[in-house]
């Protein structure tokens, strides 16, 4: 296998990726954006909220007055 990195922030890069997506022998692996990468690191570090149900989630996020 050969791996190629394409800058898809350029017009040419977008065109190349669009073309490659039409080829059945090509697999496109897209890198996660910075927000997703940070969220994954937070989960790995144990920085998560534990909730019992949706109401508990909103209570933790918005405060008791919003539930």
N, C-alpha and C. Protein backbone atom coordinates (compact mmCIF):
# COMPACT_ATOMS: atom_id res chain seq x y z
N UNK A 1 0.83 -1.18 0.00
CA UNK A 1 0.00 0.00 0.00
C UNK A 1 0.87 1.24 0.00
N UNK A 2 0.34 2.26 -0.59
CA UNK A 2 0.99 3.57 -0.61
C UNK A 2 0.06 4.57 0.03
N UNK A 3 0.61 5.42 0.89
CA UNK A 3 -0.18 6.45 1.55
C UNK A 3 0.22 7.80 1.01
N UNK A 4 -0.76 8.65 0.71
CA UNK A 4 -0.50 9.98 0.18
C UNK A 4 -1.26 10.99 1.02
N UNK A 5 -0.60 12.06 1.41
CA UNK A 5 -1.26 13.15 2.13
C UNK A 5 -1.60 14.24 1.12
N UNK A 6 -2.86 14.69 1.15
CA UNK A 6 -3.31 15.72 0.22
C UNK A 6 -3.85 16.89 1.04
N UNK A 7 -3.37 18.09 0.73
CA UNK A 7 -3.88 19.30 1.40
C UNK A 7 -5.23 19.63 0.78
N UNK A 8 -6.29 19.27 1.47
CA UNK A 8 -7.63 19.49 0.90
C UNK A 8 -8.19 20.87 1.24
N UNK A 9 -7.31 21.78 1.64
CA UNK A 9 -7.73 23.16 1.86
C UNK A 9 -7.47 24.01 0.61
N UNK A 10 -6.90 23.39 -0.42
CA UNK A 10 -6.64 24.10 -1.68
C UNK A 10 -7.63 23.61 -2.73
N UNK A 11 -7.82 24.42 -3.75
CA UNK A 11 -8.74 24.03 -4.84
C UNK A 11 -8.26 22.76 -5.52
N UNK A 12 -6.97 22.70 -5.80
CA UNK A 12 -6.41 21.53 -6.47
C UNK A 12 -6.55 20.29 -5.59
N UNK A 13 -6.30 20.45 -4.29
CA UNK A 13 -6.41 19.33 -3.37
C UNK A 13 -7.83 18.80 -3.29
N UNK A 14 -8.79 19.72 -3.25
CA UNK A 14 -10.20 19.32 -3.20
C UNK A 14 -10.59 18.56 -4.46
N UNK A 15 -10.11 19.03 -5.61
CA UNK A 15 -10.41 18.35 -6.87
C UNK A 15 -9.79 16.95 -6.90
N UNK A 16 -8.56 16.84 -6.40
CA UNK A 16 -7.89 15.54 -6.39
C UNK A 16 -8.63 14.57 -5.48
N UNK A 17 -9.01 15.02 -4.29
CA UNK A 17 -9.73 14.15 -3.37
C UNK A 17 -11.07 13.73 -3.98
N UNK A 18 -11.78 14.67 -4.60
CA UNK A 18 -13.05 14.35 -5.24
C UNK A 18 -12.86 13.28 -6.32
N UNK A 19 -11.81 13.41 -7.11
CA UNK A 19 -11.53 12.41 -8.14
C UNK A 19 -11.21 11.06 -7.52
N UNK A 20 -10.34 11.07 -6.50
CA UNK A 20 -9.94 9.81 -5.88
C UNK A 20 -11.12 9.08 -5.25
N UNK A 21 -12.08 9.83 -4.74
CA UNK A 21 -13.28 9.21 -4.13
C UNK A 21 -14.10 8.45 -5.16
N UNK A 22 -13.94 8.76 -6.44
CA UNK A 22 -14.70 8.05 -7.49
C UNK A 22 -14.04 6.74 -7.89
N UNK A 23 -12.82 6.50 -7.42
CA UNK A 23 -12.08 5.30 -7.80
C UNK A 23 -12.34 4.19 -6.79
N UNK A 24 -12.76 3.04 -7.28
CA UNK A 24 -13.13 1.94 -6.39
C UNK A 24 -11.94 1.32 -5.67
N UNK A 25 -10.75 1.52 -6.17
CA UNK A 25 -9.55 0.93 -5.56
C UNK A 25 -8.87 1.87 -4.57
N UNK A 26 -9.47 3.01 -4.29
CA UNK A 26 -8.88 4.00 -3.39
C UNK A 26 -9.72 4.08 -2.12
N UNK A 27 -9.04 4.06 -0.98
CA UNK A 27 -9.71 4.26 0.32
C UNK A 27 -9.25 5.60 0.87
N UNK A 28 -10.20 6.46 1.19
CA UNK A 28 -9.90 7.78 1.72
C UNK A 28 -10.02 7.72 3.24
N UNK A 29 -8.93 8.02 3.93
CA UNK A 29 -8.92 8.08 5.39
C UNK A 29 -8.75 9.53 5.78
N UNK A 30 -9.81 10.12 6.33
CA UNK A 30 -9.76 11.54 6.67
C UNK A 30 -9.36 11.71 8.13
N UNK A 31 -8.50 12.68 8.37
CA UNK A 31 -8.01 12.95 9.72
C UNK A 31 -9.08 13.73 10.49
N UNK A 32 -9.19 13.43 11.77
CA UNK A 32 -10.15 14.13 12.62
C UNK A 32 -9.74 15.60 12.77
N UNK A 33 -10.75 16.48 12.95
CA UNK A 33 -10.43 17.89 13.13
C UNK A 33 -9.92 18.13 14.56
N UNK A 34 -9.44 19.34 14.82
CA UNK A 34 -8.83 19.65 16.11
C UNK A 34 -9.80 19.48 17.29
N UNK A 35 -11.07 19.84 17.09
CA UNK A 35 -12.06 19.69 18.16
C UNK A 35 -12.25 18.23 18.53
N UNK A 36 -12.33 17.37 17.52
CA UNK A 36 -12.49 15.95 17.77
C UNK A 36 -11.26 15.36 18.44
N UNK A 37 -10.07 15.78 17.99
CA UNK A 37 -8.83 15.30 18.61
C UNK A 37 -8.78 15.67 20.08
N UNK A 38 -9.18 16.90 20.42
CA UNK A 38 -9.18 17.34 21.82
C UNK A 38 -10.19 16.53 22.63
N UNK A 39 -11.36 16.29 22.06
CA UNK A 39 -12.38 15.50 22.76
C UNK A 39 -11.88 14.09 23.05
N UNK A 40 -11.19 13.49 22.10
CA UNK A 40 -10.64 12.15 22.30
C UNK A 40 -9.60 12.16 23.42
N UNK A 41 -8.73 13.18 23.43
CA UNK A 41 -7.73 13.30 24.50
C UNK A 41 -8.40 13.49 25.85
N UNK A 42 -9.47 14.29 25.91
CA UNK A 42 -10.19 14.51 27.16
C UNK A 42 -10.79 13.20 27.68
N UNK A 43 -11.38 12.42 26.80
CA UNK A 43 -11.96 11.13 27.20
C UNK A 43 -10.86 10.20 27.70
N UNK A 44 -9.76 10.13 26.98
CA UNK A 44 -8.64 9.28 27.40
C UNK A 44 -8.10 9.70 28.76
N UNK A 45 -8.15 11.00 29.06
CA UNK A 45 -7.65 11.52 30.34
C UNK A 45 -8.69 11.42 31.45
N UNK A 46 -9.89 10.93 31.12
CA UNK A 46 -10.93 10.77 32.13
C UNK A 46 -11.73 12.04 32.39
N UNK A 47 -11.60 13.03 31.54
CA UNK A 47 -12.34 14.28 31.70
C UNK A 47 -13.71 14.14 31.04
N UNK A 48 -14.60 13.42 31.72
CA UNK A 48 -15.93 13.19 31.19
C UNK A 48 -16.97 13.47 32.26
N UNK A 49 -18.18 13.73 31.84
CA UNK A 49 -19.30 13.92 32.76
C UNK A 49 -20.10 12.61 32.79
N UNK A 50 -20.40 12.16 34.00
CA UNK A 50 -21.22 10.96 34.12
C UNK A 50 -22.62 11.40 34.51
N UNK A 51 -23.59 10.93 33.74
CA UNK A 51 -24.99 11.32 33.97
C UNK A 51 -25.86 10.07 34.03
N UNK A 52 -27.00 10.20 34.70
CA UNK A 52 -27.93 9.07 34.84
C UNK A 52 -28.90 9.00 33.67
N UNK A 53 -29.27 10.17 33.14
CA UNK A 53 -30.27 10.25 32.08
C UNK A 53 -30.17 11.62 31.41
N UNK A 54 -30.93 11.86 30.35
CA UNK A 54 -30.84 13.15 29.67
C UNK A 54 -31.14 14.35 30.58
N UNK A 55 -32.10 14.19 31.46
CA UNK A 55 -32.44 15.29 32.37
C UNK A 55 -31.26 15.65 33.26
N UNK A 56 -30.55 14.63 33.74
CA UNK A 56 -29.37 14.86 34.57
C UNK A 56 -28.28 15.57 33.77
N UNK A 57 -28.13 15.22 32.50
CA UNK A 57 -27.15 15.88 31.64
C UNK A 57 -27.46 17.37 31.53
N UNK A 58 -28.72 17.70 31.22
CA UNK A 58 -29.08 19.11 31.10
C UNK A 58 -28.95 19.84 32.43
N UNK A 59 -29.24 19.17 33.52
CA UNK A 59 -29.11 19.77 34.84
C UNK A 59 -27.64 20.13 35.10
N UNK A 60 -26.74 19.24 34.72
CA UNK A 60 -25.31 19.50 34.92
C UNK A 60 -24.81 20.61 34.01
N UNK A 61 -25.31 20.66 32.80
CA UNK A 61 -24.85 21.66 31.85
C UNK A 61 -25.46 23.03 32.13
N UNK A 62 -26.78 23.07 32.31
CA UNK A 62 -27.50 24.33 32.41
C UNK A 62 -27.77 24.80 33.83
N UNK A 63 -27.70 23.89 34.77
CA UNK A 63 -28.02 24.24 36.14
C UNK A 63 -29.43 23.81 36.49
N UNK A 64 -29.71 23.75 37.77
CA UNK A 64 -31.01 23.22 38.24
C UNK A 64 -32.19 24.06 37.79
N UNK A 65 -32.01 25.37 37.63
CA UNK A 65 -33.14 26.23 37.29
C UNK A 65 -33.70 25.97 35.89
N UNK A 66 -32.98 25.28 35.03
CA UNK A 66 -33.44 25.05 33.66
C UNK A 66 -34.13 23.72 33.46
N UNK A 67 -34.25 22.92 34.48
CA UNK A 67 -34.85 21.60 34.30
C UNK A 67 -36.27 21.59 34.80
